[in-house]
Amino acid sequence: MLAPAHVGHLAMLRALIRQASAEGSFASGLAGDTSQSVEFFDKLKRALVHGYFIEEDPRSGRVESVSVPGYVFWADDRNSSNPPMGFGLFRAIEGGYELWLAGLELGRRGGGHGRALIDSLFNTPPGKKTWVVRIPRGSKYRSTVEHLLGPHHFQPVGDTPNLRWFLRRDAPYTVAVRVRDIVDGHPAPN
């Protein structure tokens, strides 16, 4: 079961993101108290409070508001008073969304919870318009995530130095071209 994420979930999100960062599923700088993590969690807090964050567009240099809808996940009835066990955050891109971040408590992985989380996220309004997913190439869960994305029509389109990029088959042409240009322009070393 999903519910919209809000600022009251920030501590849980921070804990899950730091845990996943420490084991290689997110950027390593998010695991501790670094300037990168302070900036990231300030950005995340803004997204949870206001529904968007501010970032500079790398192509135009303009500062823009970016919609960031998010959800928290329970495997069972959320009225059970248990805290959420996972989350998913989307990030607006042209004509839709990217699944920006998703995570599940380490102790809850397996048993179909990851599949339930991904299936639930892609059944939300932003999930239905999600065209792009990126995952760290070094994540030990990379093949698992790739397997979970398959039923939702995502295919790997290539690797950049740190990320494996996935594109949904029905992504708009402009999004597909942009993603392929990014991958082709920043190829991963062999």
Protein backbone atom coordinates (compact mmCIF):
# COMPACT_ATOMS: atom_id res chain seq x y z
CA MET A 1 0.00 0.00 0.00
CA LEU A 2 1.21 3.49 -0.87
CA ALA A 3 0.56 6.87 0.68
CA PRO A 4 1.88 10.26 -0.40
CA ALA A 5 5.23 11.07 1.19
CA HIS A 6 5.46 14.21 3.33
CA VAL A 7 8.02 15.93 5.51
CA GLY A 8 7.04 13.71 8.47
CA HIS A 9 8.66 10.83 6.56
CA LEU A 10 12.00 12.64 6.18
CA ALA A 11 13.76 10.78 9.03
CA MET A 12 12.70 7.39 7.63
CA LEU A 13 13.73 8.39 4.10
CA ARG A 14 17.07 9.69 5.36
CA ALA A 15 17.74 6.42 7.20
CA LEU A 16 16.85 4.26 4.18
CA ILE A 17 18.81 6.43 1.75
CA ARG A 18 21.89 6.44 3.99
CA GLN A 19 21.66 2.68 4.44
CA ALA A 20 21.31 2.13 0.69
CA SER A 21 24.15 4.58 0.02
CA ALA A 22 26.46 2.73 2.40
CA GLU A 23 25.82 -0.54 0.55
CA GLY A 24 26.27 1.00 -2.92
CA SER A 25 22.72 1.48 -4.17
CA PHE A 26 22.85 5.30 -4.05
CA ALA A 27 25.66 7.83 -4.32
CA SER A 28 28.27 7.02 -1.68
CA GLY A 29 28.41 10.60 -0.40
CA LEU A 30 24.89 10.29 1.00
CA ALA A 31 25.87 7.72 3.64
CA GLY A 32 27.45 10.18 6.06
CA ASP A 33 27.43 13.81 7.09
CA THR A 34 29.10 15.27 4.01
CA SER A 35 28.39 18.54 2.23
CA GLN A 36 26.83 16.44 -0.55
CA SER A 37 24.42 14.75 1.89
CA VAL A 38 23.50 18.02 3.63
CA GLU A 39 22.66 19.61 0.27
CA PHE A 40 20.79 16.49 -0.91
CA PHE A 41 18.66 16.14 2.24
CA ASP A 42 17.87 19.88 2.21
CA LYS A 43 16.68 19.43 -1.38
CA LEU A 44 14.67 16.36 -0.37
CA LYS A 45 13.08 18.21 2.57
CA ARG A 46 12.02 21.01 0.24
CA ALA A 47 10.48 18.45 -2.11
CA LEU A 48 8.55 16.82 0.73
CA VAL A 49 7.28 20.17 2.04
CA HIS A 50 6.51 21.91 -1.25
CA GLY A 51 6.29 19.09 -3.81
CA TYR A 52 9.22 20.40 -5.83
CA PHE A 53 12.85 21.39 -5.58
CA ILE A 54 14.93 24.01 -7.33
CA GLU A 55 17.78 23.07 -9.66
CA GLU A 56 19.80 24.55 -12.47
CA ASP A 57 19.08 23.15 -15.92
CA PRO A 58 22.49 21.94 -17.17
CA ARG A 59 21.62 22.76 -20.81
CA SER A 60 20.20 26.26 -20.39
CA GLY A 61 21.72 27.34 -17.06
CA ARG A 62 18.26 28.50 -15.92
CA VAL A 63 17.10 27.83 -12.38
CA GLU A 64 13.84 25.90 -12.48
CA SER A 65 11.29 24.30 -10.18
CA VAL A 66 11.13 20.53 -10.60
CA SER A 67 8.08 18.56 -9.46
CA VAL A 68 8.98 15.69 -7.12
CA PRO A 69 5.97 13.57 -6.16
CA GLY A 70 6.74 10.79 -3.73
CA TYR A 71 5.19 7.87 -1.92
CA VAL A 72 5.90 5.69 1.08
CA PHE A 73 5.17 1.97 1.03
CA TRP A 74 3.79 -0.64 3.40
CA ALA A 75 3.56 -4.30 2.39
CA ASP A 76 0.36 -4.68 4.38
CA ASP A 77 -2.42 -2.48 5.79
CA ARG A 78 -0.89 0.90 6.64
CA ASN A 79 -3.20 1.25 9.61
CA SER A 80 -1.15 -1.40 11.39
CA SER A 81 0.87 1.41 13.06
CA ASN A 82 4.09 0.04 11.53
CA PRO A 83 6.32 2.63 9.88
CA PRO A 84 6.67 2.50 6.10
CA MET A 85 9.20 -0.04 4.82
CA GLY A 86 9.97 1.62 1.52
CA PHE A 87 9.53 4.64 -0.68
CA GLY A 88 9.62 5.96 -4.21
CA LEU A 89 10.27 9.47 -5.44
CA PHE A 90 9.66 10.65 -8.97
CA ARG A 91 11.31 13.63 -10.65
CA ALA A 92 9.62 15.55 -13.46
CA ILE A 93 11.32 15.45 -16.84
CA GLU A 94 10.00 16.67 -20.17
CA GLY A 95 6.64 15.08 -20.82
CA GLY A 96 6.65 12.80 -17.77
CA TYR A 97 8.83 11.51 -14.96
CA GLU A 98 11.94 9.65 -13.96
CA LEU A 99 11.80 7.21 -11.06
CA TRP A 100 14.39 9.26 -9.21
CA LEU A 101 14.85 7.24 -6.03
CA ALA A 102 13.26 4.11 -4.61
CA GLY A 103 14.28 2.01 -1.67
CA LEU A 104 13.23 -0.76 0.64
CA GLU A 105 14.52 -1.64 4.11
CA LEU A 106 17.37 -4.13 3.78
CA GLY A 107 15.68 -6.61 6.11
CA ARG A 108 12.52 -6.54 3.99
CA ARG A 109 14.17 -7.37 0.67
CA GLY A 110 13.05 -10.64 -0.82
CA GLY A 111 9.68 -12.22 -0.32
CA GLY A 112 8.13 -10.16 -3.12
CA HIS A 113 8.29 -6.79 -1.33
CA GLY A 114 10.51 -5.20 -4.00
CA ARG A 115 8.14 -6.31 -6.74
CA ALA A 116 5.15 -5.01 -4.76
CA LEU A 117 6.88 -1.65 -4.25
CA ILE A 118 7.82 -1.25 -7.93
CA ASP A 119 4.40 -2.43 -9.15
CA SER A 120 2.66 0.00 -6.77
CA LEU A 121 4.87 2.91 -7.82
CA PHE A 122 4.25 2.33 -11.52
CA ASN A 123 0.49 2.26 -10.87
CA THR A 124 0.49 5.84 -9.55
CA PRO A 125 -0.27 8.79 -11.87
CA PRO A 126 3.43 9.77 -12.13
CA GLY A 127 4.44 6.11 -12.41
CA LYS A 128 2.24 5.69 -15.46
CA LYS A 129 4.18 8.52 -17.13
CA THR A 130 7.65 7.42 -16.02
CA TRP A 131 10.02 7.10 -18.93
CA VAL A 132 13.47 6.86 -17.30
CA VAL A 133 15.13 4.93 -14.46
CA ARG A 134 18.82 5.13 -13.55
CA ILE A 135 20.57 2.83 -11.10
CA PRO A 136 24.16 2.76 -9.87
CA ARG A 137 26.26 0.34 -11.90
CA GLY A 138 27.97 -0.83 -8.71
CA SER A 139 24.80 -1.72 -6.83
CA LYS A 140 24.63 -5.34 -5.77
CA TYR A 141 20.88 -5.15 -6.49
CA ARG A 142 21.35 -3.95 -10.08
CA SER A 143 20.27 -7.24 -11.70
CA THR A 144 17.32 -7.54 -9.31
CA VAL A 145 16.11 -4.04 -10.14
CA GLU A 146 16.60 -4.71 -13.85
CA HIS A 147 14.44 -7.84 -13.49
CA LEU A 148 11.73 -5.86 -11.65
CA LEU A 149 11.68 -3.18 -14.35
CA GLY A 150 11.16 -5.64 -17.21
CA PRO A 151 7.40 -6.20 -16.73
CA HIS A 152 6.95 -2.43 -16.85
CA HIS A 153 8.56 -2.30 -20.32
CA PHE A 154 11.88 -0.76 -19.30
CA GLN A 155 14.96 -1.77 -21.23
CA PRO A 156 18.60 -0.93 -20.53
CA VAL A 157 19.89 1.62 -23.05
CA GLY A 158 23.45 1.86 -21.84
CA ASP A 159 25.88 2.76 -19.11
CA THR A 160 27.58 5.98 -18.16
CA PRO A 161 30.56 5.85 -15.78
CA ASN A 162 28.40 5.46 -12.66
CA LEU A 163 24.89 4.63 -13.88
CA ARG A 164 22.94 2.12 -15.92
CA TRP A 165 20.13 3.87 -17.80
CA PHE A 166 16.70 2.34 -18.53
CA LEU A 167 14.11 3.70 -20.91
CA ARG A 168 10.50 2.65 -21.18
CA ARG A 169 9.65 1.36 -24.65
CA ASP A 170 6.85 3.88 -25.16
CA ALA A 171 8.85 6.90 -24.00
CA PRO A 172 8.33 10.02 -26.12
CA TYR A 173 10.80 10.32 -28.96
CA THR A 174 12.40 13.48 -27.53
CA VAL A 175 13.03 11.79 -24.18
CA ALA A 176 14.49 8.70 -25.84
CA VAL A 177 16.83 10.81 -27.99
CA ARG A 178 17.97 12.86 -24.98
CA VAL A 179 18.70 9.74 -22.90
CA ARG A 180 20.58 8.07 -25.74
CA ASP A 181 22.58 11.28 -26.30
CA ILE A 182 23.54 11.34 -22.60
CA VAL A 183 24.58 7.68 -22.65
CA ASP A 184 26.48 8.03 -25.95
CA GLY A 185 28.16 11.24 -24.79
CA HIS A 186 29.37 9.79 -21.46
CA PRO A 187 30.14 6.12 -22.11
CA ALA A 188 31.23 3.87 -19.28
CA PRO A 189 34.83 2.67 -19.43
CA ASN A 190 35.18 -0.97 -20.41
